[in-house]
Amino acid sequence: MKHTETGTVFSALPFTYETVFSRRKTLSVGVDCTGKVTVRAPARCSPQRILNFLREKSGWVQKQVNHALSALPAQGVPHAAENGVSFPLFGKTVSIALYSQGGEEKAKPARLCGDVLYLSADEPETRLVRFLKKTAKEFFTRETQAVAARMGAEYASVSVNGAKTRWGSCSYDNKLHFSYRLIYAEEEIARYVVVHELAHTFEKNHSARFWSIVERYEPQYKKKRAFLKEHAYYMEIF
């Protein structure tokens, strides 16, 4: 059983926070890629105990908040498919243009023309996510097949999802899953994740042997991992 409360700004705390109560025994605090602070606390934990805990951790928390906010784009993270909103697609900037339609035209899918994505004003978010997932599925299906052939790897299937906590995963039966949000990055970054997950078909861990496999097929993997960490806010786009 969990419930949340929104914290108050205290003079000793330069940030706001949300508290999540549950059947746990300890306090913890985390900062997500948008700078949101969340405290996880025992169900009957007093506000004073939480405040004291945050005062002790305030230096670390503020550092994480500043780091997250500095990484965000100046225009903020787009969440809604509104007219004129822009977002990255394979490293390029694409703008959304909404248009009204009726009759048989309602069935038309999203259309990407150059750097403009045309969406019907009727349920644009649904159409946008459908477009993103379709684009991601086509990319990862094609790239996984090509990279697997180069690595001599075997996999069961490729699917895309809306994961916000991991870019990709490989099950024990070698089913590969990728977050469609990876297509906000350049193709070479998304391709690194393909190499990473295919390496898991050989090693189901992150041992030295695993990383040696990754490095063999992606020598610049450390740089690309760093890019994904610095652009963690991609997880929050749409």
C-alpha atoms as a PDB file:
ATOM      1  CA  MET A   1       0.000   0.000   0.000  1.00  0.00           C
ATOM      2  CA  LYS A   2       1.434   3.332  -1.065  1.00  0.00           C
ATOM      3  CA  HIS A   3       0.349   6.944  -0.995  1.00  0.00           C
ATOM      4  CA  THR A   4       2.084  10.207  -1.789  1.00  0.00           C
ATOM      5  CA  GLU A   5       2.275  13.696  -0.409  1.00  0.00           C
ATOM      6  CA  THR A   6       3.831  16.809  -1.846  1.00  0.00           C
ATOM      7  CA  GLY A   7       6.550  18.248   0.343  1.00  0.00           C
ATOM      8  CA  THR A   8       6.765  21.872   1.404  1.00  0.00           C
ATOM      9  CA  VAL A   9       9.615  24.265   0.648  1.00  0.00           C
ATOM     10  CA  PHE A  10      11.467  24.864   3.908  1.00  0.00           C
ATOM     11  CA  SER A  11      14.042  27.602   4.394  1.00  0.00           C
ATOM     12  CA  ALA A  12      16.675  24.907   4.929  1.00  0.00           C
ATOM     13  CA  LEU A  13      15.742  23.126   1.714  1.00  0.00           C
ATOM     14  CA  PRO A  14      16.237  24.832  -1.645  1.00  0.00           C
ATOM     15  CA  PHE A  15      14.058  22.268  -3.432  1.00  0.00           C
ATOM     16  CA  THR A  16      10.544  20.824  -3.319  1.00  0.00           C
ATOM     17  CA  TYR A  17       9.924  17.120  -3.008  1.00  0.00           C
ATOM     18  CA  GLU A  18       7.288  14.423  -3.101  1.00  0.00           C
ATOM     19  CA  THR A  19       7.019  11.799  -0.386  1.00  0.00           C
ATOM     20  CA  VAL A  20       5.954   8.233  -1.155  1.00  0.00           C
ATOM     21  CA  PHE A  21       4.913   6.219   1.912  1.00  0.00           C
ATOM     22  CA  SER A  22       4.960   2.431   1.873  1.00  0.00           C
ATOM     23  CA  ARG A  23       5.701  -0.613   4.049  1.00  0.00           C
ATOM     24  CA  ARG A  24       9.427  -0.053   4.096  1.00  0.00           C
ATOM     25  CA  LYS A  25      11.768   0.429   7.053  1.00  0.00           C
ATOM     26  CA  THR A  26      14.219   3.029   5.798  1.00  0.00           C
ATOM     27  CA  LEU A  27      14.257   6.461   4.191  1.00  0.00           C
ATOM     28  CA  SER A  28      15.689   7.093   0.751  1.00  0.00           C
ATOM     29  CA  VAL A  29      15.757  10.004  -1.663  1.00  0.00           C
ATOM     30  CA  GLY A  30      16.179  10.093  -5.421  1.00  0.00           C
ATOM     31  CA  VAL A  31      16.282  12.692  -8.200  1.00  0.00           C
ATOM     32  CA  ASP A  32      14.982  11.842 -11.658  1.00  0.00           C
ATOM     33  CA  CYS A  33      16.212  13.147 -15.008  1.00  0.00           C
ATOM     34  CA  THR A  34      13.889  16.176 -14.867  1.00  0.00           C
ATOM     35  CA  GLY A  35      15.094  17.263 -11.415  1.00  0.00           C
ATOM     36  CA  LYS A  36      12.086  15.932  -9.496  1.00  0.00           C
ATOM     37  CA  VAL A  37      12.955  14.907  -5.919  1.00  0.00           C
ATOM     38  CA  THR A  38      11.186  11.899  -4.421  1.00  0.00           C
ATOM     39  CA  VAL A  39      11.515  10.694  -0.828  1.00  0.00           C
ATOM     40  CA  ARG A  40      10.505   7.114  -0.023  1.00  0.00           C
ATOM     41  CA  ALA A  41       9.536   6.678   3.608  1.00  0.00           C
ATOM     42  CA  PRO A  42       7.986   4.185   6.052  1.00  0.00           C
ATOM     43  CA  ALA A  43       4.213   4.471   6.360  1.00  0.00           C
ATOM     44  CA  ARG A  44       4.252   6.167   9.799  1.00  0.00           C
ATOM     45  CA  CYS A  45       7.373   8.245   9.337  1.00  0.00           C
ATOM     46  CA  SER A  46       6.990  11.733  10.856  1.00  0.00           C
ATOM     47  CA  PRO A  47       7.424  14.908   8.767  1.00  0.00           C
ATOM     48  CA  GLN A  48      10.200  16.028  11.132  1.00  0.00           C
ATOM     49  CA  ARG A  49      12.198  12.851  10.575  1.00  0.00           C
ATOM     50  CA  ILE A  50      11.858  13.304   6.808  1.00  0.00           C
ATOM     51  CA  LEU A  51      12.927  16.931   7.065  1.00  0.00           C
ATOM     52  CA  ASN A  52      15.969  16.046   9.166  1.00  0.00           C
ATOM     53  CA  PHE A  53      16.891  13.340   6.672  1.00  0.00           C
ATOM     54  CA  LEU A  54      16.643  15.780   3.764  1.00  0.00           C
ATOM     55  CA  ARG A  55      18.700  18.386   5.602  1.00  0.00           C
ATOM     56  CA  GLU A  56      21.482  15.824   5.939  1.00  0.00           C
ATOM     57  CA  LYS A  57      21.253  14.958   2.247  1.00  0.00           C
ATOM     58  CA  SER A  58      20.491  18.448   0.941  1.00  0.00           C
ATOM     59  CA  GLY A  59      23.950  19.044  -0.540  1.00  0.00           C
ATOM     60  CA  TRP A  60      23.861  15.840  -2.553  1.00  0.00           C
ATOM     61  CA  VAL A  61      20.219  16.339  -3.572  1.00  0.00           C
ATOM     62  CA  GLN A  62      20.787  19.897  -4.783  1.00  0.00           C
ATOM     63  CA  LYS A  63      23.828  18.778  -6.773  1.00  0.00           C
ATOM     64  CA  GLN A  64      21.736  16.114  -8.500  1.00  0.00           C
ATOM     65  CA  VAL A  65      18.910  18.587  -9.155  1.00  0.00           C
ATOM     66  CA  ASN A  66      21.308  21.122 -10.682  1.00  0.00           C
ATOM     67  CA  HIS A  67      22.895  18.448 -12.849  1.00  0.00           C
ATOM     68  CA  ALA A  68      19.505  17.252 -14.113  1.00  0.00           C
ATOM     69  CA  LEU A  69      18.237  20.758 -14.851  1.00  0.00           C
ATOM     70  CA  SER A  70      21.433  21.775 -16.642  1.00  0.00           C
ATOM     71  CA  ALA A  71      21.031  18.800 -18.977  1.00  0.00           C
ATOM     72  CA  LEU A  72      17.485  19.726 -19.966  1.00  0.00           C
ATOM     73  CA  PRO A  73      16.967  21.650 -23.217  1.00  0.00           C
ATOM     74  CA  ALA A  74      16.215  25.362 -22.899  1.00  0.00           C
ATOM     75  CA  GLN A  75      12.695  24.891 -24.294  1.00  0.00           C
ATOM     76  CA  GLY A  76      11.898  22.165 -21.781  1.00  0.00           C
ATOM     77  CA  VAL A  77      10.804  18.575 -22.358  1.00  0.00           C
ATOM     78  CA  PRO A  78       7.806  18.211 -24.697  1.00  0.00           C
ATOM     79  CA  HIS A  79       4.964  16.180 -23.217  1.00  0.00           C
ATOM     80  CA  ALA A  80       1.982  17.006 -25.439  1.00  0.00           C
ATOM     81  CA  ALA A  81       1.501  16.748 -29.204  1.00  0.00           C
ATOM     82  CA  GLU A  82       0.676  20.405 -29.766  1.00  0.00           C
ATOM     83  CA  ASN A  83       1.021  22.543 -32.858  1.00  0.00           C
ATOM     84  CA  GLY A  84       4.575  23.861 -33.210  1.00  0.00           C
ATOM     85  CA  VAL A  85       6.091  21.598 -30.543  1.00  0.00           C
ATOM     86  CA  SER A  86       9.437  20.179 -31.634  1.00  0.00           C
ATOM     87  CA  PHE A  87      11.318  17.047 -30.610  1.00  0.00           C
ATOM     88  CA  PRO A  88      14.450  15.178 -31.710  1.00  0.00           C
ATOM     89  CA  LEU A  89      14.164  12.285 -34.137  1.00  0.00           C
ATOM     90  CA  PHE A  90      17.377  10.407 -34.881  1.00  0.00           C
ATOM     91  CA  GLY A  91      19.265  13.505 -33.810  1.00  0.00           C
ATOM     92  CA  LYS A  92      17.352  15.944 -36.028  1.00  0.00           C
ATOM     93  CA  THR A  93      14.688  18.411 -34.913  1.00  0.00           C
ATOM     94  CA  VAL A  94      11.151  17.664 -36.051  1.00  0.00           C
ATOM     95  CA  SER A  95       8.190  20.008 -35.537  1.00  0.00           C
ATOM     96  CA  ILE A  96       4.580  18.960 -35.118  1.00  0.00           C
ATOM     97  CA  ALA A  97       1.910  20.453 -37.366  1.00  0.00           C
ATOM     98  CA  LEU A  98      -1.710  19.687 -36.519  1.00  0.00           C
ATOM     99  CA  TYR A  99      -4.439  19.785 -39.127  1.00  0.00           C
ATOM    100  CA  SER A 100      -8.177  19.187 -39.142  1.00  0.00           C
ATOM    101  CA  GLN A 101      -9.630  16.381 -41.196  1.00  0.00           C
ATOM    102  CA  GLY A 102     -12.893  14.592 -41.667  1.00  0.00           C
ATOM    103  CA  GLY A 103     -14.568  11.686 -43.399  1.00  0.00           C
ATOM    104  CA  GLU A 104     -12.251   9.000 -44.739  1.00  0.00           C
ATOM    105  CA  GLU A 105      -9.199  11.162 -43.976  1.00  0.00           C
ATOM    106  CA  LYS A 106      -9.572  10.328 -40.282  1.00  0.00           C
ATOM    107  CA  ALA A 107      -7.881   7.007 -40.937  1.00  0.00           C
ATOM    108  CA  LYS A 108      -4.723   8.632 -42.348  1.00  0.00           C
ATOM    109  CA  PRO A 109      -1.608   7.996 -40.233  1.00  0.00           C
ATOM    110  CA  ALA A 110       0.955  10.565 -39.167  1.00  0.00           C
ATOM    111  CA  ARG A 111       3.007  11.866 -42.099  1.00  0.00           C
ATOM    112  CA  LEU A 112       6.625  12.969 -41.844  1.00  0.00           C
ATOM    113  CA  CYS A 113       7.581  15.408 -44.579  1.00  0.00           C
ATOM    114  CA  GLY A 114      11.118  16.683 -44.211  1.00  0.00           C
ATOM    115  CA  ASP A 115      11.391  18.091 -40.701  1.00  0.00           C
ATOM    116  CA  VAL A 116       7.623  18.429 -40.151  1.00  0.00           C
ATOM    117  CA  LEU A 117       5.393  15.712 -38.718  1.00  0.00           C
ATOM    118  CA  TYR A 118       1.765  16.203 -39.744  1.00  0.00           C
ATOM    119  CA  LEU A 119      -0.751  14.889 -37.240  1.00  0.00           C
ATOM    120  CA  SER A 120      -4.512  14.973 -37.234  1.00  0.00           C
ATOM    121  CA  ALA A 121      -5.859  17.260 -34.504  1.00  0.00           C
ATOM    122  CA  ASP A 122      -8.105  14.325 -33.590  1.00  0.00           C
ATOM    123  CA  GLU A 123      -6.270  12.410 -30.814  1.00  0.00           C
ATOM    124  CA  PRO A 124      -2.799  13.685 -31.817  1.00  0.00           C
ATOM    125  CA  GLU A 125      -0.972  12.068 -28.869  1.00  0.00           C
ATOM    126  CA  THR A 126      -2.275   8.628 -29.834  1.00  0.00           C
ATOM    127  CA  ARG A 127      -1.234   9.146 -33.437  1.00  0.00           C
ATOM    128  CA  LEU A 128       2.166  10.487 -32.421  1.00  0.00           C
ATOM    129  CA  VAL A 129       3.033   7.543 -30.172  1.00  0.00           C
ATOM    130  CA  ARG A 130       1.811   5.142 -32.847  1.00  0.00           C
ATOM    131  CA  PHE A 131       4.147   6.832 -35.335  1.00  0.00           C
ATOM    132  CA  LEU A 132       7.091   6.731 -32.924  1.00  0.00           C
ATOM    133  CA  LYS A 133       6.589   3.061 -32.111  1.00  0.00           C
ATOM    134  CA  LYS A 134       6.203   2.117 -35.779  1.00  0.00           C
ATOM    135  CA  THR A 135       9.359   4.051 -36.687  1.00  0.00           C
ATOM    136  CA  ALA A 136      11.260   2.463 -33.795  1.00  0.00           C
ATOM    137  CA  LYS A 137      10.070  -1.061 -34.654  1.00  0.00           C
ATOM    138  CA  GLU A 138      11.200  -0.681 -38.263  1.00  0.00           C
ATOM    139  CA  PHE A 139      14.597   0.678 -37.187  1.00  0.00           C
ATOM    140  CA  PHE A 140      15.316  -1.931 -34.504  1.00  0.00           C
ATOM    141  CA  THR A 141      14.078  -4.824 -36.611  1.00  0.00           C
ATOM    142  CA  ARG A 142      16.409  -3.822 -39.442  1.00  0.00           C
ATOM    143  CA  GLU A 143      19.413  -2.911 -37.279  1.00  0.00           C
ATOM    144  CA  THR A 144      19.166  -5.950 -35.013  1.00  0.00           C
ATOM    145  CA  GLN A 145      19.182  -8.269 -37.999  1.00  0.00           C
ATOM    146  CA  ALA A 146      22.250  -6.536 -39.464  1.00  0.00           C
ATOM    147  CA  VAL A 147      24.191  -6.294 -36.206  1.00  0.00           C
ATOM    148  CA  ALA A 148      23.364  -9.851 -35.174  1.00  0.00           C
ATOM    149  CA  ALA A 149      24.760 -11.133 -38.450  1.00  0.00           C
ATOM    150  CA  ARG A 150      27.986  -9.229 -37.799  1.00  0.00           C
ATOM    151  CA  MET A 151      28.235 -10.512 -34.209  1.00  0.00           C
ATOM    152  CA  GLY A 152      27.146 -14.057 -34.963  1.00  0.00           C
ATOM    153  CA  ALA A 153      24.391 -13.642 -32.382  1.00  0.00           C
ATOM    154  CA  GLU A 154      21.026 -15.375 -32.316  1.00  0.00           C
ATOM    155  CA  TYR A 155      17.881 -13.792 -30.885  1.00  0.00           C
ATOM    156  CA  ALA A 156      14.237 -14.812 -30.638  1.00  0.00           C
ATOM    157  CA  SER A 157      12.383 -11.571 -31.408  1.00  0.00           C
ATOM    158  CA  VAL A 158      12.462  -7.773 -31.400  1.00  0.00           C
ATOM    159  CA  SER A 159       9.819  -5.561 -29.840  1.00  0.00           C
ATOM    160  CA  VAL A 160       9.487  -1.930 -28.786  1.00  0.00           C
ATOM    161  CA  ASN A 161       7.841  -0.521 -25.686  1.00  0.00           C
ATOM    162  CA  GLY A 162       7.408   2.729 -23.814  1.00  0.00           C
ATOM    163  CA  ALA A 163       9.930   1.963 -21.081  1.00  0.00           C
ATOM    164  CA  LYS A 164      11.148   4.976 -19.114  1.00  0.00           C
ATOM    165  CA  THR A 165      13.654   3.247 -16.870  1.00  0.00           C
ATOM    166  CA  ARG A 166      15.796   1.276 -19.315  1.00  0.00           C
ATOM    167  CA  TRP A 167      16.737   1.731 -22.965  1.00  0.00           C
ATOM    168  CA  GLY A 168      16.688  -1.946 -23.786  1.00  0.00           C
ATOM    169  CA  SER A 169      16.608  -5.435 -22.335  1.00  0.00           C
ATOM    170  CA  CYS A 170      17.320  -9.031 -23.290  1.00  0.00           C
ATOM    171  CA  SER A 171      15.323 -11.858 -21.700  1.00  0.00           C
ATOM    172  CA  TYR A 172      16.803 -15.216 -20.813  1.00  0.00           C
ATOM    173  CA  ASP A 173      15.244 -16.662 -23.960  1.00  0.00           C
ATOM    174  CA  ASN A 174      16.876 -13.888 -26.029  1.00  0.00           C
ATOM    175  CA  LYS A 175      13.808 -11.766 -26.714  1.00  0.00           C
ATOM    176  CA  LEU A 176      15.017  -8.195 -27.244  1.00  0.00           C
ATOM    177  CA  HIS A 177      13.034  -5.157 -26.131  1.00  0.00           C
ATOM    178  CA  PHE A 178      13.845  -1.526 -26.899  1.00  0.00           C
ATOM    179  CA  SER A 179      12.299   1.713 -25.668  1.00  0.00           C
ATOM    180  CA  TYR A 180      10.890   3.613 -28.627  1.00  0.00           C
ATOM    181  CA  ARG A 181      12.334   6.774 -27.051  1.00  0.00           C
ATOM    182  CA  LEU A 182      15.778   5.690 -28.239  1.00  0.00           C
ATOM    183  CA  ILE A 183      14.945   7.092 -31.676  1.00  0.00           C
ATOM    184  CA  TYR A 184      15.256  10.600 -30.263  1.00  0.00           C
ATOM    185  CA  ALA A 185      19.006   9.990 -30.304  1.00  0.00           C
ATOM    186  CA  GLU A 186      21.169   9.680 -33.401  1.00  0.00           C
ATOM    187  CA  GLU A 187      21.155   6.314 -35.135  1.00  0.00           C
ATOM    188  CA  GLU A 188      24.661   5.428 -33.969  1.00  0.00           C
ATOM    189  CA  ILE A 189      23.573   5.844 -30.342  1.00  0.00           C
ATOM    190  CA  ALA A 190      20.525   3.620 -30.826  1.00  0.00           C
ATOM    191  CA  ARG A 191      22.713   1.128 -32.675  1.00  0.00           C
ATOM    192  CA  TYR A 192      25.019   0.897 -29.645  1.00  0.00           C
ATOM    193  CA  VAL A 193      22.045  -0.294 -27.564  1.00  0.00           C
ATOM    194  CA  VAL A 194      21.412  -2.974 -30.184  1.00  0.00           C
ATOM    195  CA  VAL A 195      25.017  -4.160 -29.743  1.00  0.00           C
ATOM    196  CA  HIS A 196      24.601  -4.011 -25.959  1.00  0.00           C
ATOM    197  CA  GLU A 197      21.483  -6.163 -25.920  1.00  0.00           C
ATOM    198  CA  LEU A 198      22.838  -8.640 -28.454  1.00  0.00           C
ATOM    199  CA  ALA A 199      25.937  -9.024 -26.279  1.00  0.00           C
ATOM    200  CA  HIS A 200      23.544 -10.265 -23.598  1.00  0.00           C
ATOM    201  CA  THR A 201      22.683 -13.217 -25.818  1.00  0.00           C
ATOM    202  CA  PHE A 202      26.213 -14.400 -24.983  1.00  0.00           C
ATOM    203  CA  GLU A 203      26.518 -13.069 -21.426  1.00  0.00           C
ATOM    204  CA  LYS A 204      23.481 -12.448 -19.198  1.00  0.00           C
ATOM    205  CA  ASN A 205      25.408 -10.086 -16.939  1.00  0.00           C
ATOM    206  CA  HIS A 206      27.698  -7.043 -17.044  1.00  0.00           C
ATOM    207  CA  SER A 207      30.934  -8.901 -16.448  1.00  0.00           C
ATOM    208  CA  ALA A 208      34.300  -8.028 -17.967  1.00  0.00           C
ATOM    209  CA  ARG A 209      33.628 -10.626 -20.650  1.00  0.00           C
ATOM    210  CA  PHE A 210      30.332  -8.931 -21.491  1.00  0.00           C
ATOM    211  CA  TRP A 211      31.954  -5.512 -21.916  1.00  0.00           C
ATOM    212  CA  SER A 212      34.736  -6.999 -24.012  1.00  0.00           C
ATOM    213  CA  ILE A 213      32.080  -8.287 -26.416  1.00  0.00           C
ATOM    214  CA  VAL A 214      30.436  -4.870 -26.555  1.00  0.00           C
ATOM    215  CA  GLU A 215      33.776  -3.146 -27.157  1.00  0.00           C
ATOM    216  CA  ARG A 216      34.685  -5.551 -29.934  1.00  0.00           C
ATOM    217  CA  TYR A 217      31.671  -4.437 -31.961  1.00  0.00           C
ATOM    218  CA  GLU A 218      31.288  -0.909 -30.580  1.00  0.00           C
ATOM    219  CA  PRO A 219      34.726   0.547 -29.653  1.00  0.00           C
ATOM    220  CA  GLN A 220      33.161   3.905 -28.685  1.00  0.00           C
ATOM    221  CA  TYR A 221      30.600   2.367 -26.350  1.00  0.00           C
ATOM    222  CA  LYS A 222      31.733   4.383 -23.313  1.00  0.00           C
ATOM    223  CA  LYS A 223      31.120   7.652 -25.152  1.00  0.00           C
ATOM    224  CA  LYS A 224      27.699   6.480 -26.263  1.00  0.00           C
ATOM    225  CA  ARG A 225      26.759   5.260 -22.784  1.00  0.00           C
ATOM    226  CA  ALA A 226      27.729   8.689 -21.453  1.00  0.00           C
ATOM    227  CA  PHE A 227      25.510  10.351 -24.065  1.00  0.00           C
ATOM    228  CA  LEU A 228      22.493   8.345 -22.928  1.00  0.00           C
ATOM    229  CA  LYS A 229      23.163   9.234 -19.298  1.00  0.00           C
ATOM    230  CA  GLU A 230      23.481  12.924 -20.159  1.00  0.00           C
ATOM    231  CA  HIS A 231      20.277  12.777 -22.203  1.00  0.00           C
ATOM    232  CA  ALA A 232      18.233  10.757 -19.733  1.00  0.00           C
ATOM    233  CA  TYR A 233      15.442  13.312 -20.157  1.00  0.00           C
ATOM    234  CA  TYR A 234      14.673  11.620 -23.505  1.00  0.00           C
ATOM    235  CA  MET A 235      12.851   9.114 -21.299  1.00  0.00           C
ATOM    236  CA  GLU A 236      10.304  11.828 -20.461  1.00  0.00           C
ATOM    237  CA  ILE A 237       9.497  12.985 -24.013  1.00  0.00           C
ATOM    238  CA  PHE A 238       5.936  12.050 -24.968  1.00  0.00           C
END
